[in-house]
Amino acid sequence: MTASETPEEYEARLTKQRERYTQMIASETPEEYEARLTKQRERYTQMVASETPEEYEVRLIQSREIQRQQLGSETHEHRDTRLNKQRERTQQCRANNLQAFENAINTICIHVCDICTKRCYPNQVRTVQYNAAALTYLPVELTSKISLLLCFRCQTHVTSNKTTAPPKAYWNNLDPGSIPDVIQTLTQAEQRLLCRIIPFVKIVKFSGLYGQYGFRGQAVLFAQDIFEVSERLPSMLPRSASQVGIIVVTERLENLNITREFTICREKVYSALRWLIRNNPLNKDVRIDDNAQISDQELVRLSVPELSEDEASERNENEIRNAFIPINNVARIIRASWHQGDYNVFTSRYAGVQCSAMSLANIVRAAILSPNQWDVNILNANMLAGDSYPA
């Protein structure tokens, strides 16, 4: 308010200014609206950047005071309207975040490079226009295309005007193909029975059921005489379980959260070996040893301290008692080390759908041993046995 105007004139001037501002906002285009907001943000940013700590405190105090006065003078209708708008903004923000999250997790590698056949995410490929006369190394099925969908590596090679094909082009026959089921389903121990050279390293598992694995001590690599290995190879495969190079030492089987990885199936080992002899040139001179001693009993060794009969009996009772978890005053439950859908443990491809088979395994076990005497190890064994039924 100026010194010469009355309060009525001051209010009339402010009313006219508000009307002109309202009309200007109502008639502005989207471009003008964005330009106006950009200028306001710039002025506010400059003001905040140049203000002193004292001015910053004064501005905050004034903002809090204005907000307190607005909240104190608002009616119930205005309060309900303000809260409803806040709820709508919050719900919209949550919906946008949820949609963004779903879009992110649903983005998969569905794009394939036309040259190296690498699977890529949408942001890892580009559509490239090319000159077919300059790229003489392209096969016929690609020269018929107007454009190519390429990964960054192949795009760099194509746009560099080189006269040779990219090293990872599919027509260079570098793709070994998919791993057959007979090889893919082998456990760690079964793979060691068939491998040509065995590395030796000491691996320890840290405390806890789901503790991580780590190396201990030095890792030493010894040079192998490939000719000596090749001469002995026909009589080496499959190795016996005592020569597999894996020894698992534990006090309790439940300490192993991947017990299935140390199991050995004789039929699977021989089926995989026959496939390797037929399809892998490196194994063509191997003669199958049908008398190899294959058993997983030599892999996992229980290291139990020596106890007297009374101490051993008391320890077993305590272990069984501690294995059961009370859920109320009259009922107790026992839990296995994994759930039935754990693909790291149940590798028979039936993980998550073998409920009936596992129930049958538990019923058979209950007929042999009373469930009151079960512990975690027995329940684990029941699940592994049930998983093997559908296979």
Protein backbone atom coordinates (compact mmCIF):
# COMPACT_ATOMS: atom_id res chain seq x y z
CA MET A 1 0.00 0.00 0.00
CA THR A 2 1.39 3.36 -1.02
CA ALA A 3 1.36 6.40 1.25
CA SER A 4 -1.31 8.27 -0.75
CA GLU A 5 -3.89 5.46 -1.17
CA THR A 6 -6.55 4.54 1.31
CA PRO A 7 -7.15 0.94 2.51
CA GLU A 8 -10.17 0.72 0.19
CA GLU A 9 -8.11 1.82 -2.81
CA TYR A 10 -5.39 -0.67 -1.84
CA GLU A 11 -7.86 -3.57 -1.73
CA ALA A 12 -9.40 -2.48 -5.05
CA ARG A 13 -5.95 -2.43 -6.69
CA LEU A 14 -5.10 -5.88 -5.35
CA THR A 15 -8.44 -7.23 -6.59
CA LYS A 16 -7.76 -5.89 -10.10
CA GLN A 17 -4.26 -7.40 -10.07
CA ARG A 18 -5.64 -10.80 -9.05
CA GLU A 19 -8.26 -10.63 -11.82
CA ARG A 20 -5.66 -9.73 -14.48
CA TYR A 21 -3.36 -12.55 -13.21
CA THR A 22 -6.25 -15.05 -13.28
CA GLN A 23 -7.18 -14.02 -16.83
CA MET A 24 -3.56 -14.26 -17.96
CA ILE A 25 -3.18 -17.78 -16.55
CA ALA A 26 -6.48 -18.89 -18.08
CA SER A 27 -5.49 -17.68 -21.55
CA GLU A 28 -1.85 -18.83 -21.67
CA THR A 29 -0.75 -21.69 -23.89
CA PRO A 30 1.03 -24.81 -22.56
CA GLU A 31 4.34 -23.42 -23.84
CA GLU A 32 3.78 -20.12 -22.02
CA TYR A 33 2.78 -22.05 -18.88
CA GLU A 34 6.01 -24.06 -18.94
CA ALA A 35 8.07 -20.93 -19.63
CA ARG A 36 6.46 -19.11 -16.70
CA LEU A 37 7.09 -22.02 -14.32
CA THR A 38 10.70 -22.26 -15.51
CA LYS A 39 11.29 -18.58 -14.80
CA GLN A 40 9.72 -18.91 -11.36
CA ARG A 41 11.93 -21.89 -10.53
CA GLU A 42 15.02 -20.02 -11.70
CA ARG A 43 14.19 -16.96 -9.61
CA TYR A 44 13.50 -19.15 -6.57
CA THR A 45 16.73 -21.08 -7.06
CA GLN A 46 18.74 -17.88 -7.36
CA MET A 47 17.08 -16.41 -4.30
CA VAL A 48 17.78 -19.52 -2.20
CA ALA A 49 21.37 -19.76 -3.44
CA SER A 50 22.15 -16.12 -2.62
CA GLU A 51 20.45 -15.82 0.77
CA THR A 52 22.45 -15.76 4.00
CA PRO A 53 21.86 -18.18 6.89
CA GLU A 54 19.96 -15.43 8.71
CA GLU A 55 17.72 -14.82 5.69
CA TYR A 56 17.18 -18.58 5.38
CA GLU A 57 15.97 -18.79 8.98
CA VAL A 58 13.73 -15.74 8.52
CA ARG A 59 12.18 -17.26 5.38
CA LEU A 60 11.48 -20.54 7.13
CA ILE A 61 9.90 -18.76 10.08
CA GLN A 62 7.69 -16.74 7.77
CA SER A 63 6.67 -19.83 5.82
CA ARG A 64 5.76 -21.67 9.02
CA GLU A 65 3.79 -18.66 10.25
CA ILE A 66 1.87 -18.33 6.99
CA GLN A 67 1.10 -22.05 6.99
CA ARG A 68 0.01 -21.91 10.65
CA GLN A 69 -2.33 -19.00 9.94
CA GLN A 70 -3.80 -20.76 6.91
CA LEU A 71 -4.40 -23.96 8.89
CA GLY A 72 -5.87 -22.00 11.80
CA SER A 73 -8.31 -20.00 9.68
CA GLU A 74 -9.51 -22.77 7.36
CA THR A 75 -12.99 -24.19 7.75
CA HIS A 76 -13.90 -27.86 8.03
CA GLU A 77 -14.86 -27.93 4.37
CA HIS A 78 -11.50 -26.45 3.32
CA ARG A 79 -9.65 -28.87 5.59
CA ASP A 80 -11.47 -31.87 4.12
CA THR A 81 -10.79 -30.60 0.60
CA ARG A 82 -7.08 -30.13 1.37
CA LEU A 83 -6.74 -33.58 2.92
CA ASN A 84 -8.58 -35.20 0.03
CA LYS A 85 -6.21 -33.53 -2.44
CA GLN A 86 -3.22 -34.72 -0.40
CA ARG A 87 -4.59 -38.26 -0.40
CA GLU A 88 -5.17 -38.13 -4.15
CA ARG A 89 -1.64 -36.87 -4.77
CA THR A 90 -0.21 -39.58 -2.50
CA GLN A 91 -2.24 -42.31 -4.20
CA GLN A 92 -1.26 -41.02 -7.62
CA CYS A 93 2.39 -40.91 -6.60
CA ARG A 94 2.21 -44.48 -5.30
CA ALA A 95 0.47 -45.63 -8.47
CA ASN A 96 3.15 -43.97 -10.60
CA ASN A 97 5.93 -45.54 -8.53
CA LEU A 98 4.27 -48.95 -8.73
CA GLN A 99 3.83 -48.65 -12.48
CA ALA A 100 7.46 -47.58 -12.88
CA PHE A 101 8.57 -50.54 -10.78
CA GLU A 102 6.48 -52.99 -12.78
CA ASN A 103 7.81 -51.57 -16.03
CA ALA A 104 11.37 -51.94 -14.78
CA ILE A 105 11.05 -55.54 -13.59
CA ASN A 106 9.07 -56.56 -16.68
CA THR A 107 11.83 -55.33 -18.97
CA ILE A 108 13.65 -58.47 -20.06
CA CYS A 109 16.25 -59.45 -22.64
CA ILE A 110 13.92 -60.04 -25.56
CA HIS A 111 15.95 -58.26 -28.24
CA VAL A 112 18.51 -60.32 -30.16
CA CYS A 113 21.43 -58.81 -32.06
CA ASP A 114 21.22 -59.77 -35.74
CA ILE A 115 24.97 -60.42 -35.95
CA CYS A 116 26.16 -61.98 -32.67
CA THR A 117 22.69 -63.22 -31.51
CA LYS A 118 23.34 -61.73 -28.07
CA ARG A 119 20.21 -61.17 -25.99
CA CYS A 120 19.95 -57.52 -24.95
CA TYR A 121 17.70 -55.16 -23.03
CA PRO A 122 15.87 -52.47 -25.04
CA ASN A 123 18.45 -49.82 -24.09
CA GLN A 124 21.33 -52.04 -25.29
CA VAL A 125 20.39 -52.28 -28.97
CA ARG A 126 20.11 -49.83 -31.87
CA THR A 127 18.46 -50.05 -35.28
CA VAL A 128 21.19 -49.32 -37.82
CA GLN A 129 20.78 -48.41 -41.49
CA TYR A 130 23.66 -49.86 -43.51
CA ASN A 131 25.08 -50.06 -47.00
CA ALA A 132 24.86 -53.67 -48.17
CA ALA A 133 27.49 -53.08 -50.88
CA ALA A 134 30.07 -52.01 -48.28
CA LEU A 135 29.39 -54.89 -45.88
CA THR A 136 30.27 -57.77 -48.17
CA TYR A 137 30.83 -60.17 -45.26
CA LEU A 138 27.15 -60.27 -44.30
CA PRO A 139 25.31 -63.50 -45.13
CA VAL A 140 22.38 -63.53 -47.54
CA GLU A 141 19.71 -63.58 -44.83
CA LEU A 142 21.00 -60.26 -43.46
CA THR A 143 21.64 -58.45 -46.75
CA SER A 144 17.96 -58.80 -47.57
CA LYS A 145 17.07 -56.60 -44.57
CA ILE A 146 16.77 -52.84 -44.85
CA SER A 147 18.07 -52.26 -41.30
CA LEU A 148 19.78 -54.33 -38.63
CA LEU A 149 19.12 -54.54 -34.90
CA LEU A 150 22.60 -54.49 -33.38
CA CYS A 151 24.21 -54.42 -29.96
CA PHE A 152 26.73 -51.67 -29.20
CA ARG A 153 29.77 -53.84 -30.01
CA CYS A 154 28.45 -54.95 -33.40
CA GLN A 155 27.20 -51.45 -34.17
CA THR A 156 30.70 -50.05 -33.60
CA HIS A 157 32.17 -52.70 -35.88
CA VAL A 158 29.64 -52.15 -38.66
CA THR A 159 29.90 -48.36 -38.63
CA SER A 160 33.72 -48.47 -38.68
CA ASN A 161 33.72 -49.65 -42.33
CA LYS A 162 35.83 -52.72 -41.61
CA THR A 163 36.05 -55.36 -44.31
CA THR A 164 35.95 -58.37 -41.98
CA ALA A 165 33.03 -59.76 -40.00
CA PRO A 166 32.75 -59.11 -36.26
CA PRO A 167 34.60 -61.75 -34.23
CA LYS A 168 31.40 -62.90 -32.49
CA ALA A 169 29.27 -63.13 -35.62
CA TYR A 170 27.07 -66.20 -35.57
CA TRP A 171 28.34 -67.44 -38.97
CA ASN A 172 31.81 -67.87 -37.40
CA ASN A 173 30.38 -70.95 -35.64
CA LEU A 174 31.38 -69.71 -32.17
CA ASP A 175 28.01 -70.47 -30.58
CA PRO A 176 28.27 -73.85 -28.82
CA GLY A 177 24.48 -74.12 -28.65
CA SER A 178 22.29 -74.91 -25.67
CA ILE A 179 23.48 -77.23 -22.92
CA PRO A 180 21.68 -80.59 -23.19
CA ASP A 181 19.52 -81.72 -20.30
CA VAL A 182 21.72 -84.75 -19.63
CA ILE A 183 24.61 -82.39 -18.81
CA GLN A 184 22.67 -79.50 -17.29
CA THR A 185 21.06 -81.61 -14.56
CA LEU A 186 24.38 -82.93 -13.22
CA THR A 187 25.21 -81.93 -9.65
CA GLN A 188 28.58 -80.52 -8.63
CA ALA A 189 29.83 -83.91 -7.50
CA GLU A 190 28.63 -85.64 -10.68
CA GLN A 191 30.44 -83.09 -12.84
CA ARG A 192 33.67 -83.76 -10.97
CA LEU A 193 33.36 -87.46 -11.82
CA LEU A 194 33.52 -86.61 -15.53
CA CYS A 195 35.89 -83.63 -15.75
CA ARG A 196 39.37 -84.10 -17.26
CA ILE A 197 41.42 -82.16 -14.71
CA ILE A 198 40.48 -81.58 -11.06
CA PRO A 199 41.57 -78.42 -9.21
CA PHE A 200 42.07 -78.70 -5.45
CA VAL A 201 41.09 -75.85 -3.17
CA LYS A 202 39.85 -75.62 0.42
CA ILE A 203 36.42 -74.03 0.81
CA VAL A 204 34.85 -73.26 4.19
CA LYS A 205 31.30 -72.28 5.09
CA PHE A 206 30.76 -69.48 7.56
CA SER A 207 28.50 -69.85 10.55
CA GLY A 208 24.75 -69.94 10.16
CA LEU A 209 22.43 -72.07 8.08
CA TYR A 210 22.68 -69.70 5.12
CA GLY A 211 26.29 -68.66 5.69
CA GLN A 212 28.38 -67.83 2.65
CA TYR A 213 31.25 -69.92 1.33
CA GLY A 214 34.84 -68.72 1.20
CA PHE A 215 38.38 -69.84 0.51
CA ARG A 216 40.88 -70.60 3.24
CA GLY A 217 44.63 -70.91 2.86
CA GLN A 218 46.61 -70.74 -0.35
CA ALA A 219 45.36 -71.73 -3.79
CA VAL A 220 48.06 -73.55 -5.75
CA LEU A 221 47.78 -74.53 -9.42
CA PHE A 222 50.01 -77.36 -10.61
CA ALA A 223 50.94 -77.67 -14.28
CA GLN A 224 49.58 -80.86 -15.87
CA ASP A 225 51.24 -82.92 -18.56
CA ILE A 226 48.45 -83.08 -21.13
CA PHE A 227 49.99 -86.07 -22.87
CA GLU A 228 50.14 -88.05 -19.65
CA VAL A 229 46.55 -87.13 -18.92
CA SER A 230 45.47 -88.14 -22.42
CA GLU A 231 47.18 -91.50 -22.12
CA ARG A 232 45.43 -92.23 -18.84
CA LEU A 233 42.10 -90.77 -19.88
CA PRO A 234 40.59 -93.95 -21.41
CA SER A 235 40.77 -95.67 -18.02
CA MET A 236 39.88 -92.64 -15.90
CA LEU A 237 36.21 -91.96 -16.60
CA PRO A 238 34.04 -92.07 -14.74
CA ARG A 239 36.17 -91.62 -11.65
CA SER A 240 35.25 -93.34 -8.44
CA ALA A 241 33.71 -91.22 -5.69
CA SER A 242 36.94 -91.43 -3.69
CA GLN A 243 38.78 -89.67 -6.55
CA VAL A 244 36.26 -86.94 -7.22
CA GLY A 245 38.21 -84.39 -5.18
CA ILE A 246 35.31 -83.30 -2.97
CA ILE A 247 35.18 -84.02 0.76
CA VAL A 248 32.57 -82.25 2.86
CA VAL A 249 33.25 -82.38 6.60
CA THR A 250 30.45 -81.22 8.90
CA GLU A 251 29.10 -81.96 12.36
CA ARG A 252 25.46 -81.94 11.20
CA LEU A 253 23.90 -82.48 7.80
CA GLU A 254 21.58 -79.53 8.40
CA ASN A 255 24.64 -77.26 8.22
CA LEU A 256 24.66 -77.91 4.47
CA ASN A 257 22.06 -75.78 2.74
CA ILE A 258 22.88 -77.35 -0.65
CA THR A 259 23.00 -81.03 0.32
CA ARG A 260 21.50 -81.98 -3.04
CA GLU A 261 24.61 -80.65 -4.77
CA PHE A 262 26.66 -83.44 -3.19
CA THR A 263 24.40 -86.32 -4.26
CA ILE A 264 25.43 -88.72 -7.01
CA CYS A 265 23.13 -90.65 -9.35
CA ARG A 266 24.92 -93.45 -11.14
CA GLU A 267 22.50 -93.50 -14.08
CA LYS A 268 22.86 -89.75 -14.67
CA VAL A 269 26.66 -89.97 -14.63
CA TYR A 270 26.81 -92.75 -17.20
CA SER A 271 24.18 -91.11 -19.42
CA ALA A 272 26.17 -87.86 -19.44
CA LEU A 273 29.41 -89.73 -20.17
CA ARG A 274 27.88 -91.54 -23.13
CA TRP A 275 26.58 -88.23 -24.50
CA LEU A 276 30.07 -86.67 -24.17
CA ILE A 277 31.67 -89.60 -26.02
CA ARG A 278 29.18 -89.25 -28.87
CA ASN A 279 29.26 -85.46 -29.20
CA ASN A 280 32.51 -84.11 -27.70
CA PRO A 281 35.70 -84.75 -29.73
CA LEU A 282 37.80 -84.38 -26.56
CA ASN A 283 36.13 -87.47 -25.10
CA LYS A 284 36.00 -89.67 -28.20
CA ASP A 285 38.87 -91.90 -27.00
CA VAL A 286 37.36 -92.54 -23.56
CA ARG A 287 36.43 -96.09 -22.63
CA ILE A 288 33.66 -96.37 -20.06
CA ASP A 289 34.55 -98.05 -16.79
CA ASP A 290 31.36 -99.90 -15.84
CA ASN A 291 32.83 -100.99 -12.50
CA ALA A 292 33.56 -97.54 -11.07
CA GLN A 293 32.59 -97.18 -7.43
CA ILE A 294 30.12 -94.31 -7.44
CA SER A 295 28.50 -93.38 -4.15
CA ASP A 296 27.89 -90.11 -2.38
CA GLN A 297 28.62 -91.71 0.99
CA GLU A 298 32.33 -90.95 0.50
CA LEU A 299 31.74 -87.24 -0.08
CA VAL A 300 29.97 -86.08 3.08
CA ARG A 301 31.67 -87.05 6.33
CA LEU A 302 30.23 -86.27 9.73
CA SER A 303 32.84 -85.03 12.19
CA VAL A 304 31.18 -85.77 15.55
CA PRO A 305 33.22 -85.51 18.78
CA GLU A 306 33.57 -88.71 20.79
CA LEU A 307 30.94 -88.94 23.53
CA SER A 308 29.98 -91.54 26.07
CA GLU A 309 26.73 -93.45 25.65
CA ASP A 310 24.93 -91.30 28.23
CA GLU A 311 26.23 -88.06 26.68
CA ALA A 312 25.34 -89.23 23.17
CA SER A 313 21.83 -90.22 24.26
CA GLU A 314 21.30 -86.91 26.04
CA ARG A 315 22.61 -85.00 23.02
CA ASN A 316 20.22 -86.82 20.66
CA GLU A 317 17.27 -86.09 22.95
CA ASN A 318 18.24 -82.42 23.15
CA GLU A 319 18.63 -82.18 19.38
CA ILE A 320 15.22 -83.74 18.78
CA ARG A 321 13.67 -81.54 21.48
CA ASN A 322 15.26 -78.39 20.01
CA ALA A 323 14.24 -79.34 16.47
CA PHE A 324 10.54 -78.95 17.32
CA ILE A 325 9.20 -75.40 17.59
CA PRO A 326 6.15 -74.91 19.87
CA ILE A 327 3.31 -72.97 18.26
CA ASN A 328 0.94 -73.19 21.26
CA ASN A 329 0.55 -75.12 24.51
CA VAL A 330 -0.38 -78.41 22.83
CA ALA A 331 1.27 -78.40 19.39
CA ARG A 332 4.82 -78.35 18.01
CA ILE A 333 6.18 -78.23 14.47
CA ILE A 334 9.50 -79.07 12.82
CA ARG A 335 10.87 -77.26 9.82
CA ALA A 336 13.27 -78.46 7.15
CA SER A 337 16.28 -76.47 6.02
CA TRP A 338 14.59 -75.45 2.75
CA HIS A 339 11.16 -75.09 1.19
CA GLN A 340 9.97 -77.32 -1.63
CA GLY A 341 10.35 -74.61 -4.26
CA ASP A 342 14.10 -74.10 -3.73
CA TYR A 343 15.60 -74.70 -7.19
CA ASN A 344 19.13 -74.68 -5.76
CA VAL A 345 18.38 -77.83 -3.76
CA PHE A 346 15.75 -79.65 -5.82
CA THR A 347 17.26 -79.96 -9.28
CA SER A 348 14.81 -82.50 -10.68
CA ARG A 349 12.77 -79.71 -12.39
CA TYR A 350 9.84 -80.50 -10.11
CA ALA A 351 10.67 -77.89 -7.46
CA GLY A 352 7.43 -76.43 -6.10
CA VAL A 353 5.11 -79.09 -7.57
CA GLN A 354 6.13 -82.25 -5.70
CA CYS A 355 3.75 -81.86 -2.71
CA SER A 356 2.16 -85.31 -3.08
CA ALA A 357 5.50 -87.05 -3.51
CA MET A 358 6.98 -85.38 -0.42
CA SER A 359 3.85 -86.16 1.60
CA LEU A 360 4.17 -89.80 0.57
CA ALA A 361 7.83 -89.83 1.60
CA ASN A 362 6.90 -88.46 5.04
CA ILE A 363 4.13 -91.04 5.45
CA VAL A 364 6.54 -93.88 4.63
CA ARG A 365 9.11 -92.48 7.05
CA ALA A 366 6.46 -92.18 9.79
CA ALA A 367 5.68 -95.90 9.37
CA ILE A 368 9.37 -96.67 9.97
CA LEU A 369 10.22 -94.07 12.63
CA SER A 370 7.83 -92.18 14.87
CA PRO A 371 7.64 -88.47 13.95
CA ASN A 372 8.30 -87.64 17.61
CA GLN A 373 11.85 -88.86 17.02
CA TRP A 374 12.45 -86.85 13.84
CA ASP A 375 14.96 -84.04 13.55
CA VAL A 376 15.80 -81.58 10.81
CA ASN A 377 18.11 -84.02 9.04
CA ILE A 378 15.36 -86.65 8.75
CA LEU A 379 12.90 -84.10 7.38
CA ASN A 380 15.53 -82.95 4.87
CA ALA A 381 16.05 -86.55 3.76
CA ASN A 382 12.28 -86.99 3.35
CA MET A 383 12.10 -83.96 1.06
CA LEU A 384 15.03 -85.14 -1.06
CA ALA A 385 13.47 -88.59 -1.36
CA GLY A 386 10.11 -87.11 -2.32
CA ASP A 387 11.72 -84.92 -4.93
CA SER A 388 13.24 -87.98 -6.61
CA TYR A 389 9.89 -89.78 -7.06
CA PRO A 390 8.52 -87.77 -10.05
CA ALA A 391 11.94 -87.86 -11.75
